[in-house]
Every structure is written in structure tokens, then in C-alpha cells.
Amino acid sequence: MDAEEQKRAVGRAAAELVASGMTVGLGTGSTAAWFVRSLAERKLDIRGVPTSEATAALARELGITVVALDDVSVIDLTIDGADEIGPGLSLIKGGGAALLREKLVWEASRRCVAIADGSKVVTPFGKFPLPIEVIAFGHKGTANRLCDAFAECDLGIAPRLRLKDGVPVRTDSGNLIYDAACGAIPDPALLAAAIKSVTGVVEHGLFLDLADEALVSGPGGVQHLTP
């Protein structure tokens, strides 16, 4: 299977985890989109809590009932993609600039399942540039403070403002994204705490101790991973 076929296969496998009556977190990104499409094909009686405006639009187009996070007490199951899967199901997310809403949905969920093609499972952890969402006001000063935070973790990194067509990328919440090319993250928990302590930072793309399991597709089919 090529990469797109792997995404489709793992999206279908993830849709089989959903049962009627569930409230389901709907992830963001190309792999999560295949999950949403497969879920719609099953025509179950569910409510979907989308992690982005793009996912909300796709779900509505496919006939899935969409509800806001504030309108549910708990989410039964969240299925979402990952940009990188490391040891213990540590994840890097945010390539699609939806990390804040994704993390809010994940933390409101009883069970979280990451889905990805096999290329996303890596060692060492941290090859994918780490997204960091910051408020736009004073963002250059925030970036300078982030450099200090990385230095405290023995990582000499200067995060770069994410641009598209020469224009800063805006999240659904109106914030900006900085990407930090770590190469490797020896202590993800230490780095997560250091980044979150920086004034101006809204959220980061390190999803630690949040994934209960992962479905990963490859040439041999879909594998089930646990921490």
C-alpha cells in the first residue's frame, strides 16, 4: 500500500471502534479525515466533537451530527492522527495547526486512539518539528523566551514562525504557530513543562500520557500499539 492507502486503511479500522450512542472526538488532518469518512459510511447514531473548523465542515457535509465541546460532559472516544509516535505512545501533533483544540478534546475523553501510517513511528522521538501555539500579541518576544526555555533543556533551538505563502499561519483560535526543529527530544516531559511556563504560549504539540493506544498501518496491515 502507498501512504494514502495506509491512511485509508487505518481510518477504516478506527471507525470500527465506534458504536452507536457514543460521543466521539473527531481529529484533524489527512488520516483523521479518512476516519471521519469511514465513520459516516457506518451511519451510526453518534455525536461528533470536531477538533477544527475543517473537520466540523467535513463531518456536517457527510451527515454526522456535530456538537461543541462545551455541550458535552464527557467524550467516549477520540480518534485523531499524529505527526509522530514515539516510545510509550508519546506523540507530536499540530502539523495541521489544530493542536490546542485537539488537546482540549483529548483531555475531555475517556479513551484516545492515535492513528497513523507506519512512517510516523520513529526513534529517536522529536524528528518532526514541534509546533507551539502562541498569541499574536508580542509573539517575537515570546519566541525569544522560547529560545531560553529550549536552552534550559540543553536544546539550542530557535523556533521559526510558520508561514504559508509568505503569510503567518493562523489557528482556528486566531493564534500563531512556531515550529521548533528539535531533531531529538531526550526528555519530553521536561521540555513540555519548560515551554508551557513561557508567557505568551497557549499550547504545544507534545501529547504525553494522553494516548491509550494507537492504530498504525503498514504494508502488512494495521497494527495495534499500546504504551
Protein backbone atom coordinates (compact mmCIF):
# COMPACT_ATOMS: atom_id res chain seq x y z
CA MET A 1 0.00 0.00 0.00
CA ASP A 2 1.13 3.53 -0.68
CA ALA A 3 0.89 6.19 2.04
CA GLU A 4 -2.63 7.28 1.10
CA GLU A 5 -3.90 3.69 1.06
CA GLN A 6 -2.35 3.17 4.50
CA LYS A 7 -4.17 6.24 5.81
CA ARG A 8 -7.43 4.97 4.36
CA ALA A 9 -6.93 1.52 5.89
CA VAL A 10 -6.20 2.81 9.39
CA GLY A 11 -9.11 5.25 9.16
CA ARG A 12 -11.45 2.37 8.39
CA ALA A 13 -10.05 0.28 11.23
CA ALA A 14 -10.53 3.16 13.66
CA ALA A 15 -14.15 3.65 12.58
CA GLU A 16 -14.86 0.08 13.69
CA LEU A 17 -14.09 1.12 17.29
CA VAL A 18 -17.14 3.40 17.35
CA ALA A 19 -20.57 2.22 18.50
CA SER A 20 -23.99 3.86 18.29
CA GLY A 21 -24.75 6.19 21.16
CA MET A 22 -21.18 7.38 21.55
CA THR A 23 -19.90 10.92 21.70
CA VAL A 24 -16.79 10.85 19.53
CA GLY A 25 -13.88 13.28 19.24
CA LEU A 26 -13.12 13.83 15.56
CA GLY A 27 -9.47 14.53 14.84
CA THR A 28 -7.86 16.81 12.28
CA GLY A 29 -5.57 16.04 9.36
CA SER A 30 -5.45 13.79 6.32
CA THR A 31 -5.52 10.50 8.24
CA ALA A 32 -8.28 11.67 10.59
CA ALA A 33 -10.29 12.74 7.54
CA TRP A 34 -10.30 9.14 6.33
CA PHE A 35 -11.61 8.11 9.75
CA VAL A 36 -14.43 10.67 9.54
CA ARG A 37 -15.37 9.46 6.05
CA SER A 38 -15.36 5.81 7.16
CA LEU A 39 -17.37 6.68 10.25
CA ALA A 40 -20.00 8.43 8.13
CA GLU A 41 -20.32 5.33 5.96
CA ARG A 42 -21.33 3.29 9.03
CA LYS A 43 -24.36 5.57 9.59
CA LEU A 44 -24.25 5.22 13.38
CA ASP A 45 -26.26 7.29 15.83
CA ILE A 46 -23.40 9.32 17.29
CA ARG A 47 -22.40 12.87 18.14
CA GLY A 48 -19.09 14.20 16.88
CA VAL A 49 -16.96 16.80 18.64
CA PRO A 50 -14.63 18.22 15.96
CA THR A 51 -11.12 19.44 16.73
CA SER A 52 -11.08 22.04 13.95
CA GLU A 53 -13.36 24.05 11.70
CA ALA A 54 -12.19 21.94 8.74
CA THR A 55 -13.21 18.70 10.45
CA ALA A 56 -16.52 20.22 11.52
CA ALA A 57 -17.27 21.15 7.91
CA LEU A 58 -16.37 17.67 6.66
CA ALA A 59 -18.48 15.96 9.33
CA ARG A 60 -21.52 18.11 8.57
CA GLU A 61 -21.11 17.51 4.85
CA LEU A 62 -21.13 13.75 5.49
CA GLY A 63 -24.19 13.86 7.73
CA ILE A 64 -22.53 13.41 11.13
CA THR A 65 -24.19 15.32 13.98
CA VAL A 66 -21.70 17.90 15.23
CA VAL A 67 -21.75 19.27 18.79
CA ALA A 68 -19.50 21.72 20.61
CA LEU A 69 -17.13 20.62 23.35
CA ASP A 70 -18.98 22.85 25.83
CA ASP A 71 -22.21 20.96 25.11
CA VAL A 72 -20.94 17.56 26.27
CA SER A 73 -19.93 16.38 29.74
CA VAL A 74 -17.50 13.72 28.52
CA ILE A 75 -16.31 12.26 25.23
CA ASP A 76 -16.40 8.48 24.99
CA LEU A 77 -13.71 8.05 22.35
CA THR A 78 -11.42 10.36 20.39
CA ILE A 79 -9.71 9.25 17.20
CA ASP A 80 -7.02 11.56 15.86
CA GLY A 81 -3.92 11.49 13.74
CA ALA A 82 -0.33 12.03 14.86
CA ASP A 83 2.65 13.62 13.18
CA GLU A 84 5.00 11.42 15.17
CA ILE A 85 4.65 8.45 17.52
CA GLY A 86 7.49 7.79 19.93
CA PRO A 87 8.20 5.40 22.82
CA GLY A 88 5.32 4.91 25.24
CA LEU A 89 2.95 6.47 22.68
CA SER A 90 4.40 9.92 23.22
CA LEU A 91 3.08 11.99 20.34
CA ILE A 92 3.88 15.13 18.42
CA LYS A 93 0.80 16.76 16.93
CA GLY A 94 -0.02 20.12 15.42
CA GLY A 95 1.17 19.86 11.85
CA GLY A 96 -2.35 20.88 10.88
CA ALA A 97 -2.30 23.84 13.30
CA ALA A 98 -5.13 22.37 15.42
CA LEU A 99 -3.11 21.33 18.49
CA LEU A 100 -4.95 23.49 21.05
CA ARG A 101 -8.43 22.27 20.16
CA GLU A 102 -7.11 18.74 19.72
CA LYS A 103 -5.60 18.68 23.19
CA LEU A 104 -8.77 20.11 24.76
CA VAL A 105 -10.81 17.33 23.15
CA TRP A 106 -8.27 14.66 24.09
CA GLU A 107 -8.25 15.72 27.72
CA ALA A 108 -12.06 15.55 27.83
CA SER A 109 -12.07 11.96 26.53
CA ARG A 110 -12.33 8.63 28.31
CA ARG A 111 -10.27 6.91 25.61
CA CYS A 112 -7.91 8.33 22.98
CA VAL A 113 -6.64 6.43 19.97
CA ALA A 114 -3.94 7.80 17.68
CA ILE A 115 -3.99 6.70 14.05
CA ALA A 116 -1.13 6.98 11.58
CA ASP A 117 0.73 5.33 8.75
CA GLY A 118 3.86 3.42 9.68
CA SER A 119 6.24 6.22 8.73
CA LYS A 120 5.08 8.20 11.80
CA VAL A 121 6.53 5.67 14.29
CA VAL A 122 10.07 6.88 14.97
CA THR A 123 13.14 6.58 17.14
CA PRO A 124 14.54 8.88 18.38
CA PHE A 125 11.46 10.88 19.27
CA GLY A 126 11.43 14.50 18.09
CA LYS A 127 12.32 14.42 14.40
CA PHE A 128 9.10 16.20 13.42
CA PRO A 129 9.32 19.95 14.14
CA LEU A 130 7.46 20.62 17.39
CA PRO A 131 4.53 23.05 16.91
CA ILE A 132 3.98 25.69 19.58
CA GLU A 133 0.85 27.86 19.54
CA VAL A 134 1.34 31.41 20.81
CA ILE A 135 -0.83 34.51 20.97
CA ALA A 136 -0.12 37.02 18.22
CA PHE A 137 0.42 39.95 20.57
CA GLY A 138 4.14 40.24 21.29
CA HIS A 139 4.89 36.94 19.57
CA LYS A 140 8.50 37.88 18.75
CA GLY A 141 9.22 38.35 22.45
CA THR A 142 7.53 35.03 23.14
CA ALA A 143 9.82 33.41 20.57
CA ASN A 144 12.87 34.85 22.34
CA ARG A 145 11.67 33.43 25.67
CA LEU A 146 11.13 30.09 23.98
CA CYS A 147 14.79 30.09 22.95
CA ASP A 148 15.70 30.44 26.62
CA ALA A 149 13.35 27.59 27.55
CA PHE A 150 14.94 25.31 24.98
CA ALA A 151 18.40 26.27 26.23
CA GLU A 152 17.38 25.26 29.76
CA CYS A 153 16.66 21.80 28.33
CA ASP A 154 20.07 21.70 26.58
CA LEU A 155 18.47 22.21 23.19
CA GLY A 156 19.98 25.07 21.20
CA ILE A 157 16.92 25.73 19.08
CA ALA A 158 15.32 28.88 17.74
CA PRO A 159 11.65 28.19 16.85
CA ARG A 160 10.56 29.57 13.49
CA LEU A 161 7.26 31.30 12.75
CA ARG A 162 5.14 29.11 10.47
CA LEU A 163 4.32 30.82 7.18
CA LYS A 164 2.15 29.85 4.23
CA ASP A 165 2.61 31.79 1.01
CA GLY A 166 4.66 34.28 2.98
CA VAL A 167 1.86 34.96 5.49
CA PRO A 168 1.84 33.75 9.12
CA VAL A 169 -0.43 30.75 9.65
CA ARG A 170 -3.37 31.46 11.94
CA THR A 171 -5.07 28.77 14.00
CA ASP A 172 -8.86 28.50 14.32
CA SER A 173 -8.46 30.45 17.57
CA GLY A 174 -6.56 33.25 15.82
CA ASN A 175 -3.16 32.37 17.26
CA LEU A 176 0.21 31.86 15.56
CA ILE A 177 2.37 28.75 15.27
CA TYR A 178 6.10 28.49 15.87
CA ASP A 179 7.88 25.27 14.87
CA ALA A 180 10.94 24.00 16.72
CA ALA A 181 13.20 21.61 14.81
CA CYS A 182 14.48 19.62 17.77
CA GLY A 183 15.86 16.64 15.88
CA ALA A 184 15.54 14.60 19.09
CA ILE A 185 13.84 15.25 22.42
CA PRO A 186 15.65 13.35 25.20
CA ASP A 187 13.26 14.43 27.97
CA PRO A 188 9.81 15.27 26.55
CA ALA A 189 8.22 15.92 29.97
CA LEU A 190 10.94 18.42 30.92
CA LEU A 191 10.60 20.22 27.61
CA ALA A 192 6.79 20.29 27.82
CA ALA A 193 6.93 21.93 31.24
CA ALA A 194 9.55 24.46 30.13
CA ILE A 195 7.56 25.51 27.07
CA LYS A 196 4.27 25.79 28.94
CA SER A 197 5.89 28.09 31.51
CA VAL A 198 6.64 30.73 28.86
CA THR A 199 4.28 33.72 28.92
CA GLY A 200 2.52 34.02 25.56
CA VAL A 201 2.49 30.28 24.88
CA VAL A 202 -1.01 28.88 24.56
CA GLU A 203 -0.16 25.20 23.96
CA HIS A 204 2.47 22.88 22.50
CA GLY A 205 2.29 19.79 20.33
CA LEU A 206 3.71 17.31 22.83
CA PHE A 207 0.90 14.90 23.71
CA LEU A 208 2.30 12.92 26.62
CA ASP A 209 0.41 10.24 28.59
CA LEU A 210 -2.73 11.00 26.61
CA ALA A 211 -2.89 8.21 24.01
CA ASP A 212 -4.36 4.97 25.36
CA GLU A 213 -3.47 3.10 22.18
CA ALA A 214 -2.56 3.58 18.54
CA LEU A 215 -3.50 2.01 15.24
CA VAL A 216 -0.66 2.07 12.73
CA SER A 217 -0.96 0.90 9.15
CA GLY A 218 1.79 -0.56 7.02
CA PRO A 219 2.35 -2.94 4.10
CA GLY A 220 1.31 -5.87 6.33
CA GLY A 221 -1.93 -4.29 7.53
CA VAL A 222 -3.00 -2.38 10.63
CA GLN A 223 -1.14 -2.94 13.92
CA HIS A 224 -2.42 -2.17 17.41
CA LEU A 225 0.08 -0.45 19.74
CA THR A 226 -0.19 0.16 23.48
CA PRO A 227 2.08 2.23 25.78
